[in-house]
Amino acid sequence: MAHTIRTFNAARLVVGVHGAGLANTVFCSPYAAILELGLPEPEFIEYRHLAQQLHLHYAVSQLPPASFESRLWPRPNVIAQAAEALLDAAIPLPLSSSSSSS
């Protein structure tokens, strides 16, 4: 669990399929970016609300609604573009003192 907390706390961007694993975003630093690979159903907005409360940047990339199997194969170029746009819109995280040059 400690490794999970450290990993999410250090993350600048988290990309994940809608599900329980995104609950780990509670360990993210404020202003980190969350890209949810979401289901097309409009009632799945839990992680948007969580991100708002935690001051995280949030976007959703809808997975194709055609069939269950197509949901398992998101288009990488679409996800990459969504992640890039989300990071471009996010406020930069301050550099830690250990990573800044003297």
C-alpha atoms as a PDB file:
ATOM      1  CA  MET A   1       0.000   0.000   0.000  1.00  0.00           C
ATOM      2  CA  ALA A   2       2.854   2.396   0.787  1.00  0.00           C
ATOM      3  CA  HIS A   3       4.226   1.891  -2.734  1.00  0.00           C
ATOM      4  CA  THR A   4       0.822   2.706  -4.242  1.00  0.00           C
ATOM      5  CA  ILE A   5       0.535   5.883  -2.177  1.00  0.00           C
ATOM      6  CA  ARG A   6       4.043   7.035  -3.189  1.00  0.00           C
ATOM      7  CA  THR A   7       3.424   6.215  -6.854  1.00  0.00           C
ATOM      8  CA  PHE A   8       0.148   8.119  -7.088  1.00  0.00           C
ATOM      9  CA  ASN A   9       1.478  11.007  -5.017  1.00  0.00           C
ATOM     10  CA  ALA A  10       4.406  11.433  -7.427  1.00  0.00           C
ATOM     11  CA  ALA A  11       2.288  11.074 -10.583  1.00  0.00           C
ATOM     12  CA  ARG A  12       1.824  14.101 -12.824  1.00  0.00           C
ATOM     13  CA  LEU A  13      -0.670  12.200 -15.010  1.00  0.00           C
ATOM     14  CA  VAL A  14      -2.802   9.156 -14.210  1.00  0.00           C
ATOM     15  CA  VAL A  15      -4.568   7.373 -17.071  1.00  0.00           C
ATOM     16  CA  GLY A  16      -6.995   4.619 -16.174  1.00  0.00           C
ATOM     17  CA  VAL A  17     -10.128   2.787 -17.199  1.00  0.00           C
ATOM     18  CA  HIS A  18     -13.241   3.636 -15.198  1.00  0.00           C
ATOM     19  CA  GLY A  19     -13.133   1.379 -12.165  1.00  0.00           C
ATOM     20  CA  ALA A  20     -11.964   0.933  -8.604  1.00  0.00           C
ATOM     21  CA  GLY A  21      -8.297   1.477  -9.468  1.00  0.00           C
ATOM     22  CA  LEU A  22      -8.972   5.176 -10.089  1.00  0.00           C
ATOM     23  CA  ALA A  23      -9.931   5.498  -6.420  1.00  0.00           C
ATOM     24  CA  ASN A  24      -6.164   5.629  -5.790  1.00  0.00           C
ATOM     25  CA  THR A  25      -6.247   9.164  -7.172  1.00  0.00           C
ATOM     26  CA  VAL A  26      -7.077  10.235  -3.607  1.00  0.00           C
ATOM     27  CA  PHE A  27      -3.299   9.945  -3.079  1.00  0.00           C
ATOM     28  CA  CYS A  28      -2.425  12.312  -5.952  1.00  0.00           C
ATOM     29  CA  SER A  29      -0.900  15.703  -5.300  1.00  0.00           C
ATOM     30  CA  PRO A  30      -3.176  18.672  -5.974  1.00  0.00           C
ATOM     31  CA  TYR A  31      -3.191  19.739  -9.633  1.00  0.00           C
ATOM     32  CA  ALA A  32      -2.134  16.346 -10.945  1.00  0.00           C
ATOM     33  CA  ALA A  33      -4.030  15.336 -14.077  1.00  0.00           C
ATOM     34  CA  ILE A  34      -6.451  12.412 -14.320  1.00  0.00           C
ATOM     35  CA  LEU A  35      -7.523  10.989 -17.683  1.00  0.00           C
ATOM     36  CA  GLU A  36     -10.359   8.513 -17.280  1.00  0.00           C
ATOM     37  CA  LEU A  37     -11.052   6.056 -20.065  1.00  0.00           C
ATOM     38  CA  GLY A  38     -14.762   6.230 -19.516  1.00  0.00           C
ATOM     39  CA  LEU A  39     -17.821   4.265 -20.350  1.00  0.00           C
ATOM     40  CA  PRO A  40     -20.371   5.946 -22.626  1.00  0.00           C
ATOM     41  CA  GLU A  41     -23.101   5.818 -19.977  1.00  0.00           C
ATOM     42  CA  PRO A  42     -23.731   9.308 -18.523  1.00  0.00           C
ATOM     43  CA  GLU A  43     -24.159   8.124 -14.939  1.00  0.00           C
ATOM     44  CA  PHE A  44     -20.471   7.261 -14.502  1.00  0.00           C
ATOM     45  CA  ILE A  45     -19.216  10.608 -13.176  1.00  0.00           C
ATOM     46  CA  GLU A  46     -17.794   9.602  -9.789  1.00  0.00           C
ATOM     47  CA  TYR A  47     -14.191  10.325 -10.702  1.00  0.00           C
ATOM     48  CA  ARG A  48     -15.024  13.754 -12.120  1.00  0.00           C
ATOM     49  CA  HIS A  49     -16.530  14.668  -8.747  1.00  0.00           C
ATOM     50  CA  LEU A  50     -13.562  13.170  -6.887  1.00  0.00           C
ATOM     51  CA  ALA A  51     -11.107  15.137  -9.038  1.00  0.00           C
ATOM     52  CA  GLN A  52     -13.000  18.377  -8.390  1.00  0.00           C
ATOM     53  CA  GLN A  53     -12.899  17.846  -4.642  1.00  0.00           C
ATOM     54  CA  LEU A  54      -9.168  17.009  -4.706  1.00  0.00           C
ATOM     55  CA  HIS A  55      -8.242  19.924  -7.025  1.00  0.00           C
ATOM     56  CA  LEU A  56      -7.091  17.570  -9.759  1.00  0.00           C
ATOM     57  CA  HIS A  57      -7.302  18.320 -13.472  1.00  0.00           C
ATOM     58  CA  TYR A  58      -9.719  15.868 -15.052  1.00  0.00           C
ATOM     59  CA  ALA A  59     -10.758  14.772 -18.509  1.00  0.00           C
ATOM     60  CA  VAL A  60     -12.549  11.743 -19.845  1.00  0.00           C
ATOM     61  CA  SER A  61     -11.883   9.942 -23.102  1.00  0.00           C
ATOM     62  CA  GLN A  62     -14.992   7.968 -23.969  1.00  0.00           C
ATOM     63  CA  LEU A  63     -14.410   4.379 -24.993  1.00  0.00           C
ATOM     64  CA  PRO A  64     -16.249   3.217 -28.121  1.00  0.00           C
ATOM     65  CA  PRO A  65     -19.839   2.121 -27.348  1.00  0.00           C
ATOM     66  CA  ALA A  66     -20.180  -0.491 -30.125  1.00  0.00           C
ATOM     67  CA  SER A  67     -19.642  -3.638 -28.056  1.00  0.00           C
ATOM     68  CA  PHE A  68     -17.986  -4.861 -24.891  1.00  0.00           C
ATOM     69  CA  GLU A  69     -14.962  -6.090 -26.842  1.00  0.00           C
ATOM     70  CA  SER A  70     -14.406  -2.708 -28.488  1.00  0.00           C
ATOM     71  CA  ARG A  71     -14.307  -1.088 -25.062  1.00  0.00           C
ATOM     72  CA  LEU A  72     -11.257  -3.177 -24.278  1.00  0.00           C
ATOM     73  CA  TRP A  73      -9.327  -1.711 -27.220  1.00  0.00           C
ATOM     74  CA  PRO A  74      -9.205   2.078 -26.941  1.00  0.00           C
ATOM     75  CA  ARG A  75      -7.438   3.909 -29.757  1.00  0.00           C
ATOM     76  CA  PRO A  76      -3.953   4.871 -28.485  1.00  0.00           C
ATOM     77  CA  ASN A  77      -3.732   8.007 -30.629  1.00  0.00           C
ATOM     78  CA  VAL A  78      -7.001   9.325 -29.179  1.00  0.00           C
ATOM     79  CA  ILE A  79      -5.790   8.684 -25.635  1.00  0.00           C
ATOM     80  CA  ALA A  80      -2.401  10.282 -26.342  1.00  0.00           C
ATOM     81  CA  GLN A  81      -4.073  13.406 -27.752  1.00  0.00           C
ATOM     82  CA  ALA A  82      -6.419  13.644 -24.770  1.00  0.00           C
ATOM     83  CA  ALA A  83      -3.526  13.223 -22.324  1.00  0.00           C
ATOM     84  CA  GLU A  84      -1.479  15.889 -24.104  1.00  0.00           C
ATOM     85  CA  ALA A  85      -4.379  18.356 -24.072  1.00  0.00           C
ATOM     86  CA  LEU A  86      -5.019  17.673 -20.385  1.00  0.00           C
ATOM     87  CA  LEU A  87      -1.374  18.225 -19.463  1.00  0.00           C
ATOM     88  CA  ASP A  88      -1.213  21.390 -21.571  1.00  0.00           C
ATOM     89  CA  ALA A  89      -4.194  22.773 -19.649  1.00  0.00           C
ATOM     90  CA  ALA A  90      -2.904  21.730 -16.224  1.00  0.00           C
ATOM     91  CA  ILE A  91      -1.099  24.114 -13.916  1.00  0.00           C
ATOM     92  CA  PRO A  92       2.545  23.016 -13.702  1.00  0.00           C
ATOM     93  CA  LEU A  93       3.501  21.350 -10.456  1.00  0.00           C
ATOM     94  CA  PRO A  94       6.258  23.128  -8.554  1.00  0.00           C
ATOM     95  CA  LEU A  95       9.665  21.479  -8.716  1.00  0.00           C
ATOM     96  CA  SER A  96      10.769  19.840  -5.516  1.00  0.00           C
ATOM     97  CA  SER A  97      13.927  21.166  -3.926  1.00  0.00           C
ATOM     98  CA  SER A  98      15.681  17.874  -4.638  1.00  0.00           C
ATOM     99  CA  SER A  99      15.052  18.166  -8.393  1.00  0.00           C
ATOM    100  CA  SER A 100      15.965  21.833  -8.849  1.00  0.00           C
ATOM    101  CA  SER A 101      19.448  22.756  -9.928  1.00  0.00           C
ATOM    102  CA  SER A 102      21.760  24.897  -7.815  1.00  0.00           C
END
